C-alpha atoms as a PDB file:
ATOM      1  CA  MET A   1    -226.012  -2.267 -27.257  1.00  0.00           C
ATOM      2  CA  THR A   2    -224.152  -5.532 -26.959  1.00  0.00           C
ATOM      3  CA  LEU A   3    -220.797  -3.766 -26.713  1.00  0.00           C
ATOM      4  CA  LEU A   4    -222.090  -1.497 -23.967  1.00  0.00           C
ATOM      5  CA  GLN A   5    -223.461  -4.491 -22.089  1.00  0.00           C
ATOM      6  CA  LYS A   6    -220.109  -6.255 -22.312  1.00  0.00           C
ATOM      7  CA  GLN A   7    -218.193  -3.120 -21.311  1.00  0.00           C
ATOM      8  CA  TYR A   8    -220.295  -2.383 -18.233  1.00  0.00           C
ATOM      9  CA  SER A   9    -221.043  -5.986 -17.267  1.00  0.00           C
ATOM     10  CA  VAL A  10    -221.121  -6.583 -13.530  1.00  0.00           C
ATOM     11  CA  LEU A  11    -219.316  -9.904 -13.931  1.00  0.00           C
ATOM     12  CA  PRO A  12    -215.649 -10.008 -15.041  1.00  0.00           C
ATOM     13  CA  GLY A  13    -214.669 -11.216 -18.503  1.00  0.00           C
ATOM     14  CA  PHE A  14    -214.267 -14.780 -19.722  1.00  0.00           C
ATOM     15  CA  GLY A  15    -210.476 -14.835 -19.421  1.00  0.00           C
ATOM     16  CA  LEU A  16    -210.438 -13.713 -15.799  1.00  0.00           C
ATOM     17  CA  THR A  17    -213.296 -15.990 -14.694  1.00  0.00           C
ATOM     18  CA  LEU A  18    -211.755 -18.981 -16.497  1.00  0.00           C
ATOM     19  CA  GLY A  19    -208.397 -18.331 -14.850  1.00  0.00           C
ATOM     20  CA  ILE A  20    -209.951 -18.064 -11.396  1.00  0.00           C
ATOM     21  CA  THR A  21    -211.991 -21.218 -12.036  1.00  0.00           C
ATOM     22  CA  LEU A  22    -208.950 -23.247 -13.121  1.00  0.00           C
ATOM     23  CA  PHE A  23    -206.870 -21.940 -10.219  1.00  0.00           C
ATOM     24  CA  TRP A  24    -209.579 -22.796  -7.675  1.00  0.00           C
ATOM     25  CA  LEU A  25    -210.218 -26.203  -9.235  1.00  0.00           C
ATOM     26  CA  SER A  26    -206.487 -26.995  -9.189  1.00  0.00           C
ATOM     27  CA  LEU A  27    -206.100 -25.845  -5.598  1.00  0.00           C
ATOM     28  CA  ILE A  28    -209.090 -27.779  -4.263  1.00  0.00           C
ATOM     29  CA  VAL A  29    -209.211 -30.872  -6.501  1.00  0.00           C
ATOM     30  CA  LEU A  30    -206.352 -31.415  -8.957  1.00  0.00           C
ATOM     31  CA  ILE A  31    -203.347 -30.745  -6.708  1.00  0.00           C
ATOM     32  CA  PRO A  32    -204.554 -32.988  -3.822  1.00  0.00           C
ATOM     33  CA  PHE A  33    -205.308 -35.766  -6.326  1.00  0.00           C
ATOM     34  CA  ALA A  34    -201.874 -35.309  -7.923  1.00  0.00           C
ATOM     35  CA  VAL A  35    -200.218 -35.629  -4.512  1.00  0.00           C
ATOM     36  CA  LEU A  36    -202.313 -38.709  -3.780  1.00  0.00           C
ATOM     37  CA  PHE A  37    -201.318 -40.251  -7.112  1.00  0.00           C
ATOM     38  CA  GLY A  38    -197.651 -39.497  -6.403  1.00  0.00           C
ATOM     39  CA  TRP A  39    -197.765 -41.240  -3.031  1.00  0.00           C
ATOM     40  CA  ALA A  40    -199.677 -44.194  -4.462  1.00  0.00           C
ATOM     41  CA  SER A  41    -197.141 -44.659  -7.266  1.00  0.00           C
ATOM     42  CA  GLN A  42    -194.157 -44.919  -4.925  1.00  0.00           C
ATOM     43  CA  PRO A  43    -194.523 -48.672  -4.200  1.00  0.00           C
ATOM     44  CA  GLY A  44    -194.607 -49.356  -7.953  1.00  0.00           C
ATOM     45  CA  ILE A  45    -196.962 -51.660  -9.809  1.00  0.00           C
ATOM     46  CA  GLU A  46    -195.818 -54.702  -7.857  1.00  0.00           C
ATOM     47  CA  GLY A  47    -196.386 -53.002  -4.514  1.00  0.00           C
ATOM     48  CA  PHE A  48    -199.737 -51.634  -5.707  1.00  0.00           C
ATOM     49  CA  ILE A  49    -200.965 -55.095  -6.717  1.00  0.00           C
ATOM     50  CA  LYS A  50    -199.623 -56.643  -3.510  1.00  0.00           C
ATOM     51  CA  THR A  51    -201.493 -54.109  -1.374  1.00  0.00           C
ATOM     52  CA  ILE A  52    -204.845 -54.385  -3.125  1.00  0.00           C
ATOM     53  CA  GLY A  53    -204.511 -58.152  -3.483  1.00  0.00           C
ATOM     54  CA  HIS A  54    -204.512 -58.746   0.261  1.00  0.00           C
ATOM     55  CA  GLU A  55    -207.523 -60.776   1.369  1.00  0.00           C
ATOM     56  CA  ARG A  56    -208.504 -58.248   4.016  1.00  0.00           C
ATOM     57  CA  VAL A  57    -208.408 -55.404   1.498  1.00  0.00           C
ATOM     58  CA  ILE A  58    -210.470 -57.301  -1.078  1.00  0.00           C
ATOM     59  CA  HIS A  59    -213.110 -58.136   1.507  1.00  0.00           C
ATOM     60  CA  SER A  60    -213.275 -54.529   2.708  1.00  0.00           C
ATOM     61  CA  LEU A  61    -213.756 -53.348  -0.884  1.00  0.00           C
ATOM     62  CA  TYR A  62    -216.494 -55.906  -1.367  1.00  0.00           C
ATOM     63  CA  ILE A  63    -218.251 -54.732   1.810  1.00  0.00           C
ATOM     64  CA  THR A  64    -217.828 -51.035   0.949  1.00  0.00           C
ATOM     65  CA  PHE A  65    -218.984 -51.026  -2.660  1.00  0.00           C
ATOM     66  CA  GLY A  66    -221.422 -53.917  -2.304  1.00  0.00           C
ATOM     67  CA  SER A  67    -223.183 -52.229   0.616  1.00  0.00           C
ATOM     68  CA  SER A  68    -223.178 -48.891  -1.230  1.00  0.00           C
ATOM     69  CA  LEU A  69    -224.736 -50.432  -4.332  1.00  0.00           C
ATOM     70  CA  LEU A  70    -227.390 -52.265  -2.315  1.00  0.00           C
ATOM     71  CA  ALA A  71    -228.249 -49.106  -0.360  1.00  0.00           C
ATOM     72  CA  VAL A  72    -228.591 -47.097  -3.569  1.00  0.00           C
ATOM     73  CA  LEU A  73    -230.826 -49.729  -5.194  1.00  0.00           C
ATOM     74  CA  ILE A  74    -233.103 -49.728  -2.152  1.00  0.00           C
ATOM     75  CA  ASN A  75    -233.205 -45.932  -2.136  1.00  0.00           C
ATOM     76  CA  VAL A  76    -234.026 -45.851  -5.843  1.00  0.00           C
ATOM     77  CA  VAL A  77    -237.273 -47.686  -5.073  1.00  0.00           C
ATOM     78  CA  PHE A  78    -238.251 -45.961  -1.848  1.00  0.00           C
ATOM     79  CA  GLY A  79    -236.767 -42.606  -2.869  1.00  0.00           C
ATOM     80  CA  VAL A  80    -239.010 -42.474  -5.932  1.00  0.00           C
ATOM     81  CA  MET A  81    -242.007 -43.397  -3.795  1.00  0.00           C
ATOM     82  CA  THR A  82    -241.120 -40.731  -1.223  1.00  0.00           C
ATOM     83  CA  ALA A  83    -240.666 -38.029  -3.861  1.00  0.00           C
ATOM     84  CA  TRP A  84    -243.958 -39.047  -5.509  1.00  0.00           C
ATOM     85  CA  VAL A  85    -245.887 -38.757  -2.239  1.00  0.00           C
ATOM     86  CA  LEU A  86    -244.341 -35.381  -1.397  1.00  0.00           C
ATOM     87  CA  VAL A  87    -245.108 -33.964  -4.851  1.00  0.00           C
ATOM     88  CA  ARG A  88    -248.506 -35.446  -5.674  1.00  0.00           C
ATOM     89  CA  TYR A  89    -250.336 -35.517  -2.332  1.00  0.00           C
ATOM     90  CA  SER A  90    -251.271 -33.039   0.381  1.00  0.00           C
ATOM     91  CA  PHE A  91    -251.585 -34.265   3.955  1.00  0.00           C
ATOM     92  CA  PRO A  92    -251.044 -32.998   7.502  1.00  0.00           C
ATOM     93  CA  GLY A  93    -247.365 -32.829   8.463  1.00  0.00           C
ATOM     94  CA  LYS A  94    -246.144 -32.816   4.854  1.00  0.00           C
ATOM     95  CA  LYS A  95    -243.735 -29.922   5.409  1.00  0.00           C
ATOM     96  CA  ILE A  96    -242.274 -31.623   8.474  1.00  0.00           C
ATOM     97  CA  ILE A  97    -241.663 -34.860   6.570  1.00  0.00           C
ATOM     98  CA  ASP A  98    -240.182 -32.866   3.692  1.00  0.00           C
ATOM     99  CA  ALA A  99    -237.795 -31.194   6.137  1.00  0.00           C
ATOM    100  CA  PHE A 100    -236.794 -34.569   7.621  1.00  0.00           C
ATOM    101  CA  ILE A 101    -235.531 -35.658   4.186  1.00  0.00           C
ATOM    102  CA  ASP A 102    -232.697 -33.135   4.462  1.00  0.00           C
ATOM    103  CA  LEU A 103    -231.776 -34.197   7.994  1.00  0.00           C
ATOM    104  CA  PRO A 104    -228.857 -36.441   6.888  1.00  0.00           C
ATOM    105  CA  PHE A 105    -227.342 -33.380   5.177  1.00  0.00           C
ATOM    106  CA  ALA A 106    -227.304 -31.336   8.390  1.00  0.00           C
ATOM    107  CA  LEU A 107    -226.804 -34.064  10.985  1.00  0.00           C
ATOM    108  CA  PRO A 108    -223.180 -34.968  11.827  1.00  0.00           C
ATOM    109  CA  THR A 109    -222.560 -38.477  10.527  1.00  0.00           C
ATOM    110  CA  ALA A 110    -221.144 -39.626  13.853  1.00  0.00           C
ATOM    111  CA  VAL A 111    -224.400 -38.646  15.561  1.00  0.00           C
ATOM    112  CA  ALA A 112    -226.340 -40.644  12.981  1.00  0.00           C
ATOM    113  CA  GLY A 113    -224.071 -43.644  13.581  1.00  0.00           C
ATOM    114  CA  ILE A 114    -224.539 -43.498  17.329  1.00  0.00           C
ATOM    115  CA  ALA A 115    -228.317 -43.154  16.965  1.00  0.00           C
ATOM    116  CA  LEU A 116    -228.558 -46.105  14.571  1.00  0.00           C
ATOM    117  CA  THR A 117    -226.314 -48.247  16.761  1.00  0.00           C
ATOM    118  CA  THR A 118    -228.379 -47.468  19.839  1.00  0.00           C
ATOM    119  CA  LEU A 119    -231.523 -48.369  17.931  1.00  0.00           C
ATOM    120  CA  TYR A 120    -230.322 -51.602  16.296  1.00  0.00           C
ATOM    121  CA  ALA A 121    -227.932 -52.914  18.965  1.00  0.00           C
ATOM    122  CA  PRO A 122    -228.932 -56.277  20.526  1.00  0.00           C
ATOM    123  CA  ASN A 123    -230.235 -54.387  23.573  1.00  0.00           C
ATOM    124  CA  GLY A 124    -231.682 -51.496  21.523  1.00  0.00           C
ATOM    125  CA  LEU A 125    -235.306 -50.644  20.891  1.00  0.00           C
ATOM    126  CA  LEU A 126    -235.523 -52.482  17.559  1.00  0.00           C
ATOM    127  CA  GLY A 127    -232.531 -54.759  18.003  1.00  0.00           C
ATOM    128  CA  SER A 128    -234.024 -56.400  21.076  1.00  0.00           C
ATOM    129  CA  LEU A 129    -237.169 -57.208  19.061  1.00  0.00           C
ATOM    130  CA  LEU A 130    -235.219 -58.641  16.125  1.00  0.00           C
ATOM    131  CA  MET A 131    -232.764 -60.766  18.127  1.00  0.00           C
ATOM    132  CA  PRO A 132    -235.370 -63.408  19.159  1.00  0.00           C
ATOM    133  CA  LEU A 133    -236.123 -63.815  15.451  1.00  0.00           C
ATOM    134  CA  GLY A 134    -232.474 -64.510  14.737  1.00  0.00           C
ATOM    135  CA  ILE A 135    -231.975 -61.167  12.968  1.00  0.00           C
ATOM    136  CA  LYS A 136    -228.895 -59.183  13.933  1.00  0.00           C
ATOM    137  CA  ILE A 137    -228.409 -55.735  12.423  1.00  0.00           C
ATOM    138  CA  ALA A 138    -225.728 -53.952  14.425  1.00  0.00           C
ATOM    139  CA  TYR A 139    -222.115 -55.071  13.945  1.00  0.00           C
ATOM    140  CA  THR A 140    -222.954 -56.823  10.667  1.00  0.00           C
ATOM    141  CA  PRO A 141    -222.969 -55.801   6.975  1.00  0.00           C
ATOM    142  CA  ALA A 142    -226.734 -55.280   7.312  1.00  0.00           C
ATOM    143  CA  GLY A 143    -226.063 -52.436   9.726  1.00  0.00           C
ATOM    144  CA  ILE A 144    -223.719 -50.859   7.178  1.00  0.00           C
ATOM    145  CA  VAL A 145    -226.446 -50.964   4.521  1.00  0.00           C
ATOM    146  CA  ILE A 146    -228.948 -49.296   6.866  1.00  0.00           C
ATOM    147  CA  ALA A 147    -226.479 -46.513   7.688  1.00  0.00           C
ATOM    148  CA  LEU A 148    -225.778 -45.936   3.986  1.00  0.00           C
ATOM    149  CA  ILE A 149    -229.500 -45.901   3.197  1.00  0.00           C
ATOM    150  CA  PHE A 150    -229.923 -43.191   5.821  1.00  0.00           C
ATOM    151  CA  ILE A 151    -227.217 -40.886   4.476  1.00  0.00           C
ATOM    152  CA  SER A 152    -227.915 -41.391   0.749  1.00  0.00           C
ATOM    153  CA  LEU A 153    -231.724 -41.072   0.660  1.00  0.00           C
ATOM    154  CA  PRO A 154    -231.801 -37.255   0.196  1.00  0.00           C
ATOM    155  CA  PHE A 155    -229.745 -37.471  -3.000  1.00  0.00           C
ATOM    156  CA  ILE A 156    -232.414 -39.582  -4.678  1.00  0.00           C
ATOM    157  CA  VAL A 157    -235.425 -37.649  -3.393  1.00  0.00           C
ATOM    158  CA  ARG A 158    -234.078 -34.157  -4.056  1.00  0.00           C
ATOM    159  CA  THR A 159    -233.019 -34.896  -7.631  1.00  0.00           C
ATOM    160  CA  ILE A 160    -236.374 -36.455  -8.565  1.00  0.00           C
ATOM    161  CA  GLN A 161    -238.687 -33.952  -6.842  1.00  0.00           C
ATOM    162  CA  PRO A 162    -238.160 -31.027  -9.277  1.00  0.00           C
ATOM    163  CA  VAL A 163    -238.707 -33.304 -12.282  1.00  0.00           C
ATOM    164  CA  LEU A 164    -241.953 -34.664 -10.870  1.00  0.00           C
ATOM    165  CA  GLU A 165    -243.126 -31.137 -10.059  1.00  0.00           C
ATOM    166  CA  ASP A 166    -242.493 -30.058 -13.664  1.00  0.00           C
ATOM    167  CA  LEU A 167    -244.134 -33.151 -15.136  1.00  0.00           C
ATOM    168  CA  GLU A 168    -247.461 -32.159 -16.641  1.00  0.00           C
ATOM    169  CA  PRO A 169    -250.441 -34.133 -15.238  1.00  0.00           C
ATOM    170  CA  GLU A 170    -252.118 -33.771 -18.630  1.00  0.00           C
ATOM    171  CA  LEU A 171    -249.748 -36.397 -20.038  1.00  0.00           C
ATOM    172  CA  GLU A 172    -250.967 -38.925 -17.503  1.00  0.00           C
ATOM    173  CA  ASP A 173    -254.598 -37.928 -18.139  1.00  0.00           C
ATOM    174  CA  ALA A 174    -254.098 -38.404 -21.876  1.00  0.00           C
ATOM    175  CA  ALA A 175    -252.545 -41.837 -21.310  1.00  0.00           C
ATOM    176  CA  THR A 176    -255.471 -42.786 -19.073  1.00  0.00           C
ATOM    177  CA  CYS A 177    -257.972 -41.704 -21.720  1.00  0.00           C
ATOM    178  CA  LEU A 178    -256.147 -43.897 -24.238  1.00  0.00           C
ATOM    179  CA  GLY A 179    -256.674 -46.895 -21.982  1.00  0.00           C
ATOM    180  CA  ALA A 180    -253.215 -47.191 -20.423  1.00  0.00           C
ATOM    181  CA  SER A 181    -252.950 -48.972 -17.088  1.00  0.00           C
ATOM    182  CA  ARG A 182    -251.191 -47.438 -14.067  1.00  0.00           C
ATOM    183  CA  TRP A 183    -248.096 -49.529 -14.712  1.00  0.00           C
ATOM    184  CA  GLN A 184    -248.035 -48.491 -18.376  1.00  0.00           C
ATOM    185  CA  ILE A 185    -248.366 -44.836 -17.381  1.00  0.00           C
ATOM    186  CA  PHE A 186    -245.466 -45.148 -14.973  1.00  0.00           C
ATOM    187  CA  SER A 187    -243.198 -47.179 -17.264  1.00  0.00           C
ATOM    188  CA  ARG A 188    -243.872 -45.235 -20.482  1.00  0.00           C
ATOM    189  CA  VAL A 189    -244.688 -41.704 -19.326  1.00  0.00           C
ATOM    190  CA  ILE A 190    -243.320 -41.035 -15.853  1.00  0.00           C
ATOM    191  CA  PHE A 191    -240.180 -43.181 -15.692  1.00  0.00           C
ATOM    192  CA  PRO A 192    -238.621 -41.932 -18.975  1.00  0.00           C
ATOM    193  CA  ALA A 193    -239.063 -38.382 -17.699  1.00  0.00           C
ATOM    194  CA  ILE A 194    -237.403 -38.998 -14.333  1.00  0.00           C
ATOM    195  CA  ALA A 195    -234.746 -41.492 -15.538  1.00  0.00           C
ATOM    196  CA  PRO A 196    -231.930 -38.940 -16.163  1.00  0.00           C
ATOM    197  CA  ALA A 197    -232.500 -37.291 -12.768  1.00  0.00           C
ATOM    198  CA  LEU A 198    -232.736 -40.704 -11.131  1.00  0.00           C
ATOM    199  CA  LEU A 199    -229.391 -41.754 -12.595  1.00  0.00           C
ATOM    200  CA  THR A 200    -227.813 -38.498 -11.419  1.00  0.00           C
ATOM    201  CA  GLY A 201    -229.179 -38.943  -7.909  1.00  0.00           C
ATOM    202  CA  ALA A 202    -228.089 -42.585  -7.849  1.00  0.00           C
ATOM    203  CA  ALA A 203    -224.560 -41.630  -8.922  1.00  0.00           C
ATOM    204  CA  MET A 204    -224.260 -38.971  -6.222  1.00  0.00           C
ATOM    205  CA  ALA A 205    -225.745 -41.327  -3.627  1.00  0.00           C
ATOM    206  CA  PHE A 206    -223.310 -44.108  -4.562  1.00  0.00           C
ATOM    207  CA  ALA A 207    -220.302 -41.793  -4.416  1.00  0.00           C
ATOM    208  CA  ARG A 208    -221.441 -40.465  -1.048  1.00  0.00           C
ATOM    209  CA  ALA A 209    -222.093 -43.937   0.346  1.00  0.00           C
ATOM    210  CA  ALA A 210    -218.788 -45.391  -0.865  1.00  0.00           C
ATOM    211  CA  GLY A 211    -216.831 -42.731   1.004  1.00  0.00           C
ATOM    212  CA  GLU A 212    -218.967 -42.679   4.149  1.00  0.00           C
ATOM    213  CA  TYR A 213    -217.123 -43.141   7.431  1.00  0.00           C
ATOM    214  CA  GLY A 214    -218.720 -41.500  10.467  1.00  0.00           C
ATOM    215  CA  SER A 215    -222.150 -43.118  10.430  1.00  0.00           C
ATOM    216  CA  VAL A 216    -220.769 -46.565   9.558  1.00  0.00           C
ATOM    217  CA  ILE A 217    -217.946 -47.170  12.020  1.00  0.00           C
ATOM    218  CA  PHE A 218    -220.252 -47.323  15.038  1.00  0.00           C
ATOM    219  CA  ILE A 219    -222.903 -49.667  13.682  1.00  0.00           C
ATOM    220  CA  ALA A 220    -220.489 -51.813  11.626  1.00  0.00           C
ATOM    221  CA  GLY A 221    -218.459 -53.074  14.552  1.00  0.00           C
ATOM    222  CA  ASN A 222    -215.371 -52.915  12.318  1.00  0.00           C
ATOM    223  CA  ILE A 223    -214.680 -56.652  12.479  1.00  0.00           C
ATOM    224  CA  PRO A 224    -211.971 -57.626   9.944  1.00  0.00           C
ATOM    225  CA  MET A 225    -213.267 -59.953   7.208  1.00  0.00           C
ATOM    226  CA  VAL A 226    -216.826 -59.407   8.463  1.00  0.00           C
ATOM    227  CA  SER A 227    -217.884 -55.753   8.657  1.00  0.00           C
ATOM    228  CA  GLU A 228    -214.763 -53.708   7.981  1.00  0.00           C
ATOM    229  CA  ILE A 229    -215.093 -50.971   5.363  1.00  0.00           C
ATOM    230  CA  THR A 230    -212.220 -49.665   3.246  1.00  0.00           C
ATOM    231  CA  PRO A 231    -212.237 -46.092   4.667  1.00  0.00           C
ATOM    232  CA  LEU A 232    -211.693 -47.590   8.125  1.00  0.00           C
ATOM    233  CA  LEU A 233    -208.871 -49.761   6.787  1.00  0.00           C
ATOM    234  CA  ILE A 234    -207.265 -46.642   5.315  1.00  0.00           C
ATOM    235  CA  THR A 235    -207.465 -44.968   8.726  1.00  0.00           C
ATOM    236  CA  ALA A 236    -205.929 -48.051  10.360  1.00  0.00           C
ATOM    237  CA  LYS A 237    -203.001 -47.977   7.931  1.00  0.00           C
ATOM    238  CA  LEU A 238    -202.433 -44.289   8.640  1.00  0.00           C
ATOM    239  CA  GLU A 239    -202.373 -45.004  12.374  1.00  0.00           C
ATOM    240  CA  GLN A 240    -199.772 -47.695  11.684  1.00  0.00           C
ATOM    241  CA  SER A 241    -197.722 -45.148   9.675  1.00  0.00           C
ATOM    242  CA  ASP A 242    -198.271 -47.181   6.514  1.00  0.00           C
ATOM    243  CA  TYR A 243    -198.782 -44.094   4.359  1.00  0.00           C
ATOM    244  CA  GLU A 244    -198.040 -45.863   1.092  1.00  0.00           C
ATOM    245  CA  GLY A 245    -200.621 -48.574   1.796  1.00  0.00           C
ATOM    246  CA  ALA A 246    -203.204 -45.986   2.817  1.00  0.00           C
ATOM    247  CA  THR A 247    -202.671 -43.896  -0.329  1.00  0.00           C
ATOM    248  CA  VAL A 248    -202.822 -47.008  -2.529  1.00  0.00           C
ATOM    249  CA  LEU A 249    -206.236 -47.904  -1.069  1.00  0.00           C
ATOM    250  CA  ALA A 250    -207.409 -44.300  -1.354  1.00  0.00           C
ATOM    251  CA  MET A 251    -206.297 -44.193  -4.985  1.00  0.00           C
ATOM    252  CA  LEU A 252    -208.067 -47.477  -5.709  1.00  0.00           C
ATOM    253  CA  MET A 253    -211.341 -46.211  -4.204  1.00  0.00           C
ATOM    254  CA  LEU A 254    -210.991 -43.001  -6.200  1.00  0.00           C
ATOM    255  CA  MET A 255    -210.500 -44.937  -9.435  1.00  0.00           C
ATOM    256  CA  ILE A 256    -213.477 -47.232  -8.808  1.00  0.00           C
ATOM    257  CA  SER A 257    -215.757 -44.329  -7.872  1.00  0.00           C
ATOM    258  CA  PHE A 258    -214.629 -42.361 -10.925  1.00  0.00           C
ATOM    259  CA  LEU A 259    -215.290 -45.304 -13.254  1.00  0.00           C
ATOM    260  CA  VAL A 260    -218.761 -45.785 -11.788  1.00  0.00           C
ATOM    261  CA  LEU A 261    -219.582 -42.088 -12.217  1.00  0.00           C
ATOM    262  CA  LEU A 262    -218.163 -42.130 -15.749  1.00  0.00           C
ATOM    263  CA  LEU A 263    -220.282 -45.149 -16.633  1.00  0.00           C
ATOM    264  CA  ILE A 264    -223.436 -43.489 -15.320  1.00  0.00           C
ATOM    265  CA  ASN A 265    -222.648 -40.285 -17.242  1.00  0.00           C
ATOM    266  CA  LEU A 266    -222.187 -42.303 -20.443  1.00  0.00           C
ATOM    267  CA  ILE A 267    -225.532 -43.999 -19.837  1.00  0.00           C
ATOM    268  CA  GLN A 268    -227.140 -40.582 -19.328  1.00  0.00           C
ATOM    269  CA  ARG A 269    -225.667 -39.257 -22.582  1.00  0.00           C
ATOM    270  CA  TRP A 270    -226.834 -42.322 -24.443  1.00  0.00           C
ATOM    271  CA  ASN A 271    -230.314 -41.950 -22.959  1.00  0.00           C
ATOM    272  CA  ASN A 272    -230.463 -38.253 -23.878  1.00  0.00           C
ATOM    273  CA  LYS A 273    -229.356 -38.975 -27.457  1.00  0.00           C
ATOM    274  CA  ARG A 274    -231.942 -41.731 -27.769  1.00  0.00           C
ATOM    275  CA  ASN A 275    -234.682 -39.420 -26.504  1.00  0.00           C
ATOM    276  CA  GLY A 276    -233.503 -36.732 -28.915  1.00  0.00           C
ATOM    277  CA  MET A 277    -233.725 -39.129 -31.836  1.00  0.00           C
ATOM    278  CA  ASN A 278    -237.208 -40.153 -30.781  1.00  0.00           C
END
């Protein structure tokens, strides 16, 4: 029976599918990265260090990854709350709100940037109310954080929602019967269950935020040493025909993002092993 199933399987065999997979992966991912690495290695180690050691570059990296990390941390809190409300409660307009969560996926990032800039500019609807209080959002790092919060929220919500839906309410009822408080139920029952998904969503959100360009350039103002992000600096170097400098910065961002994702994956594996031992 097994031989017949293998012989008349709709899908092709392992060798063919593996070959197609490796070819497609090389064409889409590995070859472009190899070309990028080749360009970035042309200046040599001295040129690489000189490029990334420039004060403007260091500040842009700080703004890019610092804003991305802050946006992800904020979304971890409010993303969990949003997913909890959508899963555990029924209320009028729930489906509409649930659909709005995916809006950053479908909306062109430039449109989002223009909308946020119009809203938070000094003469905008919210910006005009905040300016008398001495709070300026647009054309500052705060505006960058808001834009990154907007585009990274769905990654947190959509990775946590299925886990919360599969979480059995009986576990919470049992903890309540044993005298656990709401905080104890969340910290010892709910959070361990959603932690792996939360780390995955946070990793994807961070990677997405670190490479964001369209929604940031409008609200950031792109002021060197103030609100300039690294992707914009890469674009500026390309416009100046400084291809080596642009590829060095691109390679550096790739390495940092990869290390962050690797670290989160290692934490996930450690957490899964610890849960398995328990």
